[in-house]
């Protein structure tokens, strides 16, 4: 993206995106925050619809977006196995080296992930997402940008409600 979109226009887009209910952003503030991140990364603010999800109030990158960013930055993935019981791949990048990453259903069971519907109905996709997240994060973390992938975020417990700290006393 060559030109910054003025803040007022981004704000208007955020309102429209939240109002539409199409992209998981429940409030204009959620959409606006992600749009500003996208713009800071040189992307048009509307790209958030294809690159991000809001899951349990947390921003998360879509796994396909992480892979696209990784590959666009010169990253390579070689899949050795991708089944309902195992995702095994080698991730490599000139700046981060090479790493073979494996995720199995046994690992997922051991840490308590497999009871959820997504793990029951789409085990291969969930293993693939976890393998991509961990492999890319280890070899070229810029492709994730410090966020979780959507599948990781959906496996986390909801964040605690905001605490009320009480009134502030102003001391002269």
Protein backbone atom coordinates (compact mmCIF):
# COMPACT_ATOMS: atom_id res chain seq x y z
CA UNK A 1 0.00 0.00 0.00
CA UNK A 2 1.51 3.31 -0.98
CA UNK A 3 -0.73 5.90 0.70
CA UNK A 4 -2.04 5.99 4.23
CA UNK A 5 -5.79 6.03 4.58
CA UNK A 6 -6.81 9.03 6.72
CA UNK A 7 -7.91 8.13 10.26
CA UNK A 8 -11.48 9.39 9.74
CA UNK A 9 -11.88 7.07 6.73
CA UNK A 10 -10.46 4.13 8.68
CA UNK A 11 -12.89 4.92 11.49
CA UNK A 12 -15.78 4.95 8.99
CA UNK A 13 -14.65 1.59 7.57
CA UNK A 14 -14.41 0.15 11.09
CA UNK A 15 -17.96 1.25 11.85
CA UNK A 16 -19.25 -0.34 8.64
CA UNK A 17 -17.34 -3.57 9.22
CA UNK A 18 -18.58 -3.95 12.80
CA UNK A 19 -22.15 -3.04 11.83
CA UNK A 20 -22.16 -5.64 9.03
CA UNK A 21 -21.43 -8.48 11.46
CA UNK A 22 -19.71 -10.34 8.63
CA UNK A 23 -16.16 -10.57 9.90
CA UNK A 24 -16.29 -11.39 13.61
CA UNK A 25 -15.60 -7.85 14.80
CA UNK A 26 -18.30 -7.10 17.34
CA UNK A 27 -17.41 -3.47 17.96
CA UNK A 28 -16.04 -0.63 15.84
CA UNK A 29 -13.13 -0.39 18.29
CA UNK A 30 -12.08 -3.99 17.57
CA UNK A 31 -12.18 -3.36 13.83
CA UNK A 32 -10.42 -0.02 14.16
CA UNK A 33 -7.58 -1.45 16.24
CA UNK A 34 -6.94 -4.20 13.70
CA UNK A 35 -7.23 -1.76 10.80
CA UNK A 36 -4.56 0.44 12.36
CA UNK A 37 -2.28 -2.59 12.78
CA UNK A 38 -2.83 -3.55 9.14
CA UNK A 39 -2.06 -0.02 7.99
CA UNK A 40 1.08 0.10 10.15
CA UNK A 41 2.23 -3.08 8.36
CA UNK A 42 1.69 -1.43 4.98
CA UNK A 43 -1.63 -3.13 4.20
CA UNK A 44 -4.92 -1.52 3.34
CA UNK A 45 -7.09 -1.39 6.49
CA UNK A 46 -9.83 -3.51 4.89
CA UNK A 47 -7.44 -6.48 4.63
CA UNK A 48 -8.24 -7.31 8.23
CA UNK A 49 -11.27 -9.26 7.01
CA UNK A 50 -9.03 -11.75 5.25
CA UNK A 51 -6.12 -11.79 7.71
CA UNK A 52 -7.57 -11.60 11.24
CA UNK A 53 -10.24 -13.08 13.48
CA UNK A 54 -11.49 -11.89 16.83
CA UNK A 55 -11.84 -14.94 19.08
CA UNK A 56 -13.04 -14.61 22.65
CA UNK A 57 -12.13 -10.92 22.53
CA UNK A 58 -8.60 -11.59 21.29
CA UNK A 59 -7.13 -10.63 17.93
CA UNK A 60 -5.70 -13.63 16.08
CA UNK A 61 -4.16 -14.13 12.65
CA UNK A 62 -5.80 -16.58 10.30
CA UNK A 63 -3.49 -19.51 9.65
CA UNK A 64 -3.60 -19.09 5.87
CA UNK A 65 -2.55 -15.45 6.36
CA UNK A 66 0.45 -16.54 8.46
CA UNK A 67 1.49 -19.01 5.76
CA UNK A 68 1.08 -16.42 3.00
CA UNK A 69 3.19 -13.88 4.93
CA UNK A 70 5.83 -16.50 5.68
CA UNK A 71 6.09 -17.60 2.05
CA UNK A 72 6.00 -14.03 0.72
CA UNK A 73 9.00 -13.29 2.95
CA UNK A 74 10.94 -16.20 1.44
CA UNK A 75 9.89 -18.93 3.85
CA UNK A 76 9.50 -22.51 2.67
CA UNK A 77 7.49 -25.43 4.02
CA UNK A 78 7.98 -29.08 3.15
CA UNK A 79 5.18 -31.32 4.39
CA UNK A 80 6.29 -34.83 5.35
CA UNK A 81 2.93 -36.02 6.67
CA UNK A 82 -0.49 -34.44 7.06
CA UNK A 83 -3.18 -36.78 8.39
CA UNK A 84 -5.87 -36.85 11.07
CA UNK A 85 -3.25 -38.06 13.56
CA UNK A 86 -0.08 -36.17 12.60
CA UNK A 87 1.15 -32.95 11.00
CA UNK A 88 4.86 -33.05 10.24
CA UNK A 89 6.70 -30.37 8.24
CA UNK A 90 10.05 -28.65 7.86
CA UNK A 91 9.96 -24.86 7.99
CA UNK A 92 12.89 -22.89 6.62
CA UNK A 93 13.78 -19.24 6.17
CA UNK A 94 17.08 -17.55 5.33
CA UNK A 95 16.98 -15.48 8.54
CA UNK A 96 15.79 -18.23 10.87
CA UNK A 97 17.27 -21.46 9.61
CA UNK A 98 15.40 -24.72 9.30
CA UNK A 99 13.28 -26.63 11.79
CA UNK A 100 11.23 -29.81 11.57
CA UNK A 101 7.99 -29.46 13.52
CA UNK A 102 5.56 -32.24 14.38
CA UNK A 103 2.15 -32.09 16.03
CA UNK A 104 0.27 -35.29 16.89
CA UNK A 105 -3.15 -36.10 18.28
CA UNK A 106 -1.37 -37.66 21.26
CA UNK A 107 0.19 -34.26 22.06
CA UNK A 108 -3.16 -32.53 21.64
CA UNK A 109 -4.85 -35.09 23.92
CA UNK A 110 -2.11 -34.77 26.54
CA UNK A 111 -2.66 -31.01 26.84
CA UNK A 112 -6.44 -31.29 26.80
CA UNK A 113 -7.32 -29.89 23.36
CA UNK A 114 -9.16 -32.78 21.73
CA UNK A 115 -12.47 -32.45 23.58
CA UNK A 116 -13.56 -29.44 21.53
CA UNK A 117 -15.73 -29.79 18.42
CA UNK A 118 -13.08 -28.43 16.04
CA UNK A 119 -10.62 -31.08 17.19
CA UNK A 120 -13.24 -33.83 16.90
CA UNK A 121 -14.54 -32.75 13.49
CA UNK A 122 -11.38 -31.36 11.83
CA UNK A 123 -8.36 -33.00 13.45
CA UNK A 124 -6.09 -32.68 10.40
CA UNK A 125 -6.82 -28.95 10.03
CA UNK A 126 -6.24 -28.33 13.74
CA UNK A 127 -2.94 -30.25 13.74
CA UNK A 128 -1.88 -28.40 10.58
CA UNK A 129 -2.66 -25.03 12.17
CA UNK A 130 -0.71 -25.85 15.34
CA UNK A 131 2.24 -27.12 13.31
CA UNK A 132 2.25 -23.96 11.16
CA UNK A 133 1.95 -21.66 14.16
CA UNK A 134 4.80 -23.26 16.06
CA UNK A 135 7.03 -23.80 13.03
CA UNK A 136 6.65 -20.29 11.61
CA UNK A 137 6.90 -18.68 15.06
CA UNK A 138 10.22 -20.50 15.64
CA UNK A 139 11.78 -19.82 12.23
CA UNK A 140 10.36 -16.43 11.18
CA UNK A 141 8.14 -14.87 13.89
CA UNK A 142 7.53 -11.68 11.87
CA UNK A 143 4.97 -13.63 9.83
CA UNK A 144 2.76 -13.94 12.92
CA UNK A 145 3.41 -10.49 14.31
CA UNK A 146 3.24 -11.49 17.96
CA UNK A 147 -0.31 -12.83 17.76
CA UNK A 148 -1.81 -16.27 18.13
CA UNK A 149 -3.26 -18.05 15.13
CA UNK A 150 -7.03 -18.41 15.23
CA UNK A 151 -6.92 -22.08 16.22
CA UNK A 152 -4.65 -21.34 19.19
CA UNK A 153 -6.90 -18.50 20.34
CA UNK A 154 -9.99 -20.71 20.15
CA UNK A 155 -8.31 -23.25 22.45
CA UNK A 156 -7.55 -20.68 25.15
CA UNK A 157 -9.92 -19.98 28.04
CA UNK A 158 -11.85 -16.72 27.77
CA UNK A 159 -10.05 -13.73 29.27
CA UNK A 160 -11.16 -12.75 32.78
CA UNK A 161 -13.65 -9.89 33.04
CA UNK A 162 -12.21 -6.45 33.67
CA UNK A 163 -11.79 -5.70 37.38
CA UNK A 164 -13.30 -2.59 38.88
CA UNK A 165 -10.61 -0.91 40.91
CA UNK A 166 -12.91 1.55 42.64
CA UNK A 167 -12.91 5.32 42.62
CA UNK A 168 -9.71 7.28 42.36
CA UNK A 169 -8.92 9.64 45.17
CA UNK A 170 -7.40 12.90 44.00
CA UNK A 171 -4.77 14.15 46.44
CA UNK A 172 -3.92 17.88 46.22
